[in-house]
Protein backbone atom coordinates (compact mmCIF):
# COMPACT_ATOMS: atom_id res chain seq x y z
CA MET A 1 -56.96 19.66 -6.62
CA VAL A 2 -57.21 22.86 -7.43
CA LEU A 3 -59.60 25.35 -7.12
CA ASP A 4 -60.59 28.70 -9.16
CA ARG A 5 -62.55 30.20 -6.64
CA VAL A 6 -63.50 33.27 -9.02
CA GLU A 7 -64.15 30.60 -12.03
CA GLY A 8 -65.95 27.58 -10.35
CA VAL A 9 -63.26 25.66 -12.05
CA VAL A 10 -61.50 22.34 -11.02
CA THR A 11 -58.24 21.32 -12.22
CA HIS A 12 -55.47 17.94 -11.01
CA ASP A 13 -52.45 18.28 -9.92
CA THR A 14 -49.56 17.43 -7.39
CA VAL A 15 -48.38 18.92 -4.18
CA SER A 16 -44.83 18.67 -6.03
CA SER A 17 -46.31 21.62 -8.58
CA LEU A 18 -47.24 24.04 -6.34
CA PRO A 19 -44.47 25.83 -6.69
CA SER A 20 -45.17 26.18 -10.70
CA LEU A 21 -49.38 27.36 -9.11
CA LEU A 22 -47.57 30.03 -7.44
CA ARG A 23 -45.79 33.34 -8.32
CA GLU A 24 -43.23 35.08 -7.40
CA GLY A 25 -43.01 37.81 -5.32
CA ASP A 26 -46.71 35.53 -3.39
CA LEU A 27 -45.60 35.50 0.53
CA VAL A 28 -46.84 31.57 2.26
CA VAL A 29 -47.35 32.24 6.00
CA VAL A 30 -47.50 28.60 7.99
CA ASN A 31 -48.01 27.46 11.44
CA ASN A 32 -44.81 26.41 12.85
CA THR A 33 -47.01 24.46 16.09
CA ARG A 34 -45.62 21.57 17.30
CA VAL A 35 -47.92 18.90 18.55
CA MET A 36 -47.30 18.08 22.40
CA PRO A 37 -47.71 14.77 23.84
CA ALA A 38 -50.40 15.84 25.33
CA ARG A 39 -52.42 12.72 26.09
CA LEU A 40 -51.91 11.35 29.51
CA ILE A 41 -52.83 7.75 30.85
CA GLY A 42 -52.51 6.78 34.22
CA ARG A 43 -54.38 5.96 37.75
CA ARG A 44 -57.17 6.80 40.18
CA VAL A 45 -55.97 7.20 43.59
CA PRO A 46 -56.53 5.42 45.99
CA SER A 47 -58.97 3.46 43.78
CA GLY A 48 -56.12 2.77 40.91
CA GLY A 49 -58.48 3.10 38.44
CA ALA A 50 -58.17 3.93 34.49
CA VAL A 51 -58.13 7.74 33.93
CA GLU A 52 -57.04 9.51 30.90
CA CYS A 53 -56.62 14.13 30.48
CA MET A 54 -56.45 14.97 27.69
CA LEU A 55 -53.85 18.56 28.94
CA LEU A 56 -55.82 21.60 26.61
CA ASN A 57 -54.07 24.48 27.77
CA ARG A 58 -51.73 25.55 30.47
CA ILE A 59 -53.14 27.96 33.10
CA GLU A 60 -50.24 28.66 35.15
CA ARG A 61 -47.31 28.01 36.68
CA GLU A 62 -47.21 27.75 40.36
CA PRO A 63 -43.80 27.71 42.88
CA GLY A 64 -42.26 25.09 43.68
CA GLY A 65 -42.81 23.20 40.06
CA ARG A 66 -46.51 22.87 39.82
CA GLU A 67 -48.22 23.72 36.87
CA THR A 68 -52.43 23.87 36.30
CA TRP A 69 -54.28 23.08 33.04
CA MET A 70 -57.40 22.73 31.58
CA ALA A 71 -57.79 19.30 30.77
CA LEU A 72 -60.71 16.77 29.05
CA VAL A 73 -61.09 13.71 31.95
CA HIS A 74 -61.85 9.96 31.52
CA PRO A 75 -63.58 8.80 33.06
CA GLY A 76 -65.66 12.75 33.76
CA GLN A 77 -68.02 11.15 36.13
CA LYS A 78 -66.12 9.33 38.87
CA LEU A 79 -62.76 12.46 38.43
CA ARG A 80 -64.89 15.53 40.36
CA PRO A 81 -63.15 18.18 42.02
CA GLY A 82 -60.21 16.83 44.98
CA ALA A 83 -59.72 13.18 43.11
CA ARG A 84 -56.34 12.60 42.57
CA MET A 85 -54.65 11.29 39.68
CA ARG A 86 -51.09 9.28 39.07
CA PHE A 87 -49.24 9.08 35.91
CA GLU A 88 -46.60 7.04 34.99
CA GLY A 89 -45.00 5.72 31.11
CA ASP A 90 -43.97 2.13 30.57
CA GLY A 91 -40.51 2.22 30.88
CA GLN A 92 -39.83 5.68 32.94
CA SER A 93 -39.67 5.99 35.97
CA ALA A 94 -40.47 10.00 35.89
CA VAL A 95 -44.17 10.18 37.17
CA LEU A 96 -46.87 13.07 37.33
CA ILE A 97 -49.58 12.85 40.59
CA GLY A 98 -52.57 15.60 39.78
CA ASP A 99 -55.26 16.64 41.45
CA VAL A 100 -58.56 17.91 40.09
CA ARG A 101 -59.22 22.06 41.30
CA GLU A 102 -62.46 22.99 38.93
CA GLN A 103 -65.16 21.24 36.70
CA ARG A 104 -65.76 22.72 33.68
CA PHE A 105 -68.20 23.26 31.36
CA HIS A 106 -68.37 20.47 28.41
CA GLY A 107 -66.12 17.91 30.14
CA ARG A 108 -63.22 20.28 30.57
CA ARG A 109 -61.30 20.30 34.32
CA VAL A 110 -59.05 22.81 35.81
CA VAL A 111 -56.11 20.29 37.68
CA THR A 112 -53.40 20.92 39.25
CA LEU A 113 -49.57 18.61 38.23
CA TRP A 114 -46.33 18.52 39.68
CA PRO A 115 -43.77 16.18 39.60
CA GLU A 116 -43.48 13.42 42.44
CA ALA A 117 -39.85 13.51 42.64
CA GLY A 118 -37.59 15.20 40.24
CA GLY A 119 -37.74 17.32 36.83
CA SER A 120 -40.47 19.00 35.13
CA VAL A 121 -43.77 18.74 34.54
CA GLU A 122 -42.76 19.38 31.00
CA GLU A 123 -39.79 17.16 30.95
CA ILE A 124 -42.13 14.16 32.40
CA VAL A 125 -44.88 15.28 29.96
CA ASP A 126 -42.42 15.03 26.72
CA ALA A 127 -41.54 10.99 28.47
CA ILE A 128 -45.16 9.82 29.29
CA GLY A 129 -46.96 11.22 26.72
CA HIS A 130 -48.99 10.59 23.86
CA ILE A 131 -48.82 11.76 20.68
CA PRO A 132 -53.25 12.27 20.76
CA LEU A 133 -53.72 11.34 17.11
CA PRO A 134 -56.91 12.32 15.74
CA PRO A 135 -59.72 11.16 17.03
CA TYR A 136 -60.76 8.93 13.43
CA ILE A 137 -57.22 7.64 13.16
CA ARG A 138 -58.57 5.13 14.84
CA ARG A 139 -55.11 3.46 16.36
CA ASP A 140 -53.17 3.56 19.68
CA ASP A 141 -50.62 6.47 18.86
CA THR A 142 -47.18 5.09 18.52
CA ARG A 143 -43.37 6.37 18.89
CA GLU A 144 -42.69 7.07 15.73
CA ASP A 145 -45.96 9.46 15.63
CA ARG A 146 -43.78 12.48 17.74
CA GLU A 147 -42.05 13.09 13.86
CA ARG A 148 -44.38 12.05 11.69
CA TYR A 149 -47.46 13.77 13.03
CA GLN A 150 -45.08 17.03 13.03
CA THR A 151 -44.87 19.51 9.87
CA ILE A 152 -41.36 20.15 9.24
CA TYR A 153 -41.41 23.44 10.42
CA ALA A 154 -42.91 23.08 14.14
CA ARG A 155 -40.28 24.97 16.85
CA GLU A 156 -43.35 26.50 18.89
CA ARG A 157 -44.21 22.99 21.14
CA GLY A 158 -48.54 23.69 22.58
CA SER A 159 -50.23 22.25 20.36
CA VAL A 160 -52.66 18.79 20.94
CA ALA A 161 -53.36 18.21 16.67
CA ALA A 162 -51.69 19.30 14.48
CA PRO A 163 -52.09 21.85 11.89
CA THR A 164 -51.80 19.21 9.19
CA ALA A 165 -52.26 21.86 5.81
CA GLY A 166 -48.77 22.07 6.99
CA LEU A 167 -47.43 17.85 6.76
CA HIS A 168 -47.36 18.26 2.48
CA PHE A 169 -44.33 21.00 2.48
CA SER A 170 -41.36 17.89 2.37
CA GLY A 171 -37.58 20.50 2.81
CA GLU A 172 -36.75 20.02 -0.56
CA LEU A 173 -40.34 21.93 -1.93
CA MET A 174 -40.04 24.63 -0.17
CA ALA A 175 -36.22 25.22 -1.67
CA ARG A 176 -38.35 25.48 -4.97
CA MET A 177 -41.17 27.95 -4.04
CA LYS A 178 -37.83 30.25 -2.47
CA ALA A 179 -35.94 30.03 -5.74
CA ARG A 180 -39.08 30.44 -8.00
CA GLY A 181 -39.28 34.10 -5.56
CA VAL A 182 -41.94 32.45 -3.81
CA GLU A 183 -41.53 33.76 0.71
CA VAL A 184 -42.51 32.10 3.40
CA VAL A 185 -42.57 33.93 6.53
CA GLU A 186 -43.60 31.48 9.68
CA ILE A 187 -46.58 32.29 12.71
CA THR A 188 -47.64 30.49 15.58
CA LEU A 189 -50.78 29.25 16.60
CA HIS A 190 -52.00 26.28 19.38
CA VAL A 191 -53.94 23.98 17.81
CA GLY A 192 -56.40 23.45 20.40
CA TYR A 193 -59.23 20.85 20.74
CA GLY A 194 -61.53 22.25 19.22
CA THR A 195 -60.72 22.22 15.74
CA PHE A 196 -62.80 17.87 16.31
CA LYS A 197 -65.54 19.94 17.23
CA PRO A 198 -68.29 18.87 15.22
CA VAL A 199 -71.16 22.54 14.51
CA ARG A 200 -74.35 21.03 15.58
CA THR A 201 -76.09 24.16 16.47
CA SER A 202 -79.27 24.08 13.34
CA VAL A 203 -78.41 27.97 13.06
CA VAL A 204 -75.08 27.74 12.11
CA GLU A 205 -74.40 31.53 13.82
CA GLU A 206 -75.09 30.04 17.39
CA HIS A 207 -71.70 27.34 16.77
CA VAL A 208 -69.24 28.76 19.16
CA VAL A 209 -65.30 28.19 18.50
CA ASP A 210 -63.45 27.53 20.95
CA PRO A 211 -59.87 29.96 21.29
CA GLU A 212 -56.44 29.63 20.82
CA ARG A 213 -54.05 31.41 21.61
CA TYR A 214 -51.18 32.63 18.77
CA THR A 215 -48.36 35.36 18.01
CA ILE A 216 -47.21 37.09 14.82
CA ALA A 217 -44.46 37.86 15.36
CA ASP A 218 -42.59 41.91 14.03
CA GLU A 219 -41.06 39.94 11.29
CA ALA A 220 -43.86 38.32 10.09
CA ALA A 221 -45.45 41.31 10.31
CA ASP A 222 -43.76 43.36 8.29
CA ALA A 223 -43.60 40.93 5.32
CA ILE A 224 -47.38 41.17 5.20
CA ALA A 225 -48.25 44.41 5.98
CA GLN A 226 -46.02 45.02 3.06
CA ALA A 227 -47.48 42.20 0.78
CA LYS A 228 -50.87 43.61 0.64
CA ARG A 229 -49.15 47.48 0.19
CA ASP A 230 -47.32 45.63 -2.61
CA ARG A 231 -50.09 44.49 -4.17
CA ARG A 232 -49.16 40.92 -3.59
CA ARG A 233 -51.42 37.40 -2.73
CA VAL A 234 -50.84 36.57 0.67
CA ILE A 235 -51.13 32.71 0.67
CA ALA A 236 -52.20 30.81 4.16
CA ALA A 237 -51.17 27.13 3.70
CA GLY A 238 -54.43 25.89 6.76
CA THR A 239 -56.92 27.21 8.10
CA THR A 240 -55.70 27.49 11.58
CA THR A 241 -52.58 30.08 10.08
CA THR A 242 -55.95 32.22 8.67
CA ARG A 243 -58.06 31.92 11.97
CA ALA A 244 -55.02 34.02 12.90
CA LEU A 245 -53.93 35.82 10.13
CA GLU A 246 -57.99 37.30 10.12
CA GLN A 247 -58.27 37.06 13.83
CA ALA A 248 -55.95 39.78 14.06
CA ALA A 249 -56.91 41.51 11.06
CA LEU A 250 -60.39 42.26 12.88
CA ASP A 251 -58.09 42.93 16.02
CA GLY A 252 -56.23 46.02 13.99
CA ALA A 253 -58.95 47.51 11.77
CA GLY A 254 -57.32 46.13 9.14
CA ARG A 255 -53.76 46.07 9.75
CA VAL A 256 -51.93 42.87 10.68
CA SER A 257 -50.20 43.61 14.18
CA ALA A 258 -47.57 41.12 15.36
CA GLY A 259 -47.37 40.45 18.50
CA PRO A 260 -50.05 37.72 21.13
CA GLY A 261 -53.75 37.08 20.21
CA GLU A 262 -56.38 35.01 21.12
CA ALA A 263 -58.48 33.38 18.15
CA THR A 264 -62.36 33.38 18.71
CA VAL A 265 -63.51 34.39 15.41
CA PHE A 266 -65.94 31.59 13.86
CA ILE A 267 -65.65 32.06 10.41
CA TYR A 268 -68.71 30.99 8.03
CA PRO A 269 -70.19 31.85 4.63
CA GLY A 270 -70.44 35.42 4.10
CA PHE A 271 -67.29 36.69 7.04
CA ARG A 272 -65.41 39.08 4.86
CA PHE A 273 -61.77 38.15 4.29
CA GLN A 274 -59.17 40.98 4.83
CA VAL A 275 -55.08 38.98 4.64
CA ILE A 276 -55.67 35.98 2.51
CA ASP A 277 -55.91 35.74 -1.26
CA ALA A 278 -55.07 32.21 -1.62
CA LEU A 279 -54.92 28.71 0.14
CA LEU A 280 -54.15 25.43 0.89
CA THR A 281 -55.89 23.70 2.58
CA ASN A 282 -57.08 19.51 3.45
CA PHE A 283 -60.28 17.87 2.97
CA HIS A 284 -62.40 18.74 6.40
CA LEU A 285 -64.57 16.16 7.82
CA PRO A 286 -68.60 17.40 7.20
CA LYS A 287 -70.94 19.85 9.72
CA SER A 288 -66.99 21.07 10.56
CA SER A 289 -65.73 24.90 11.57
CA LEU A 290 -62.81 24.64 9.25
CA LEU A 291 -65.08 22.96 6.02
CA MET A 292 -67.31 26.58 6.54
CA LEU A 293 -63.97 28.56 6.58
CA VAL A 294 -63.32 27.06 3.25
CA ALA A 295 -66.92 27.53 2.02
CA ALA A 296 -66.32 31.65 3.00
CA PHE A 297 -63.71 31.41 1.05
CA ALA A 298 -64.36 29.77 -1.99
CA GLY A 299 -68.19 29.80 -1.97
CA ARG A 300 -70.18 27.31 -0.18
CA GLU A 301 -71.68 25.51 -3.90
CA ARG A 302 -68.42 25.71 -5.40
CA VAL A 303 -66.94 23.57 -2.18
CA LEU A 304 -69.60 21.63 -2.07
CA ALA A 305 -69.06 21.26 -6.05
CA ALA A 306 -64.84 20.41 -5.42
CA TYR A 307 -65.45 18.12 -2.65
CA GLU A 308 -68.21 16.34 -4.93
CA GLU A 309 -65.99 16.17 -7.09
CA ALA A 310 -62.65 14.66 -4.56
CA VAL A 311 -64.86 11.83 -3.92
CA ARG A 312 -65.21 10.70 -7.81
CA GLN A 313 -61.48 10.99 -8.10
CA ARG A 314 -61.27 9.28 -4.99
CA TYR A 315 -59.14 11.79 -3.17
CA ARG A 316 -58.19 11.49 0.22
CA PHE A 317 -59.67 13.25 3.66
CA TYR A 318 -58.80 14.32 6.50
CA SER A 319 -55.44 14.94 8.46
CA TYR A 320 -53.11 12.18 6.54
CA GLY A 321 -55.10 13.45 3.14
CA ASP A 322 -55.16 14.88 -0.03
CA ALA A 323 -54.03 19.28 -0.93
CA MET A 324 -57.14 21.51 -1.81
CA LEU A 325 -55.27 24.42 -3.83
CA VAL A 326 -58.09 27.20 -3.14
CA ARG A 327 -57.08 30.59 -5.42
């Protein structure tokens, strides 16, 4: 779907036609984060009861190969500070031991992980962990998901969810975009579990989005600055890319600066965009911060009308669904 955010006109096309929908000189910004197998399944020690631990973000590396992480654990009521967990994979000799150190809000725990015998935490997580598929995909993950639930340019390990607008890109499509004179640069924002958190507050402004770590390289920052000087369009591939760019502009007084940062901005209607001129995105869940971001960019009424048309036309929604280009 192609939505003209000025006129509100909706047209229908295919992702393979994307190069013809772009202009020579456009700058497309993509998020090169890589989904890690962050879901660990194991047993409580010494009871043997089942336990699940979703790694959210690493807090620190400690001497001796230990790592401290923020995580979601289940069953939370039985995993209080002092609880111990043991994680091992089918057919894998590598084992991780974990201790719950602190109890935080919304089911979060601070946990310490270390190898039972040899290897690193990262190596063992990669060996025994499971890809955390979105909660609306109601099946167990498979080994194929380790590559299927990644963009073709996924490089920087650290997300618990894919930047799904990027799943539409193939090598052939990227080559045709570049042949048309479209520039492509990469940034990194590690998508957190909060991307699935619905907006439950009756007052939109009271909703709090979870912070997400991002990094913008010198090359990307320079390319974005040059595009803005040349009055060329900056097109974000996905809401995660948008969040990183607009946060960097907020922090940089209107300029996207290179370096690491933390995206805390909640983008909803009334937000003043400083960087992006167009957005490629999927169709999002109701009552989500992602849908509100799209509504902020294109206008609430236009987006709702476009979504009604998408339902009539039987577009597929969510992670493996169809795409919308808002321009």
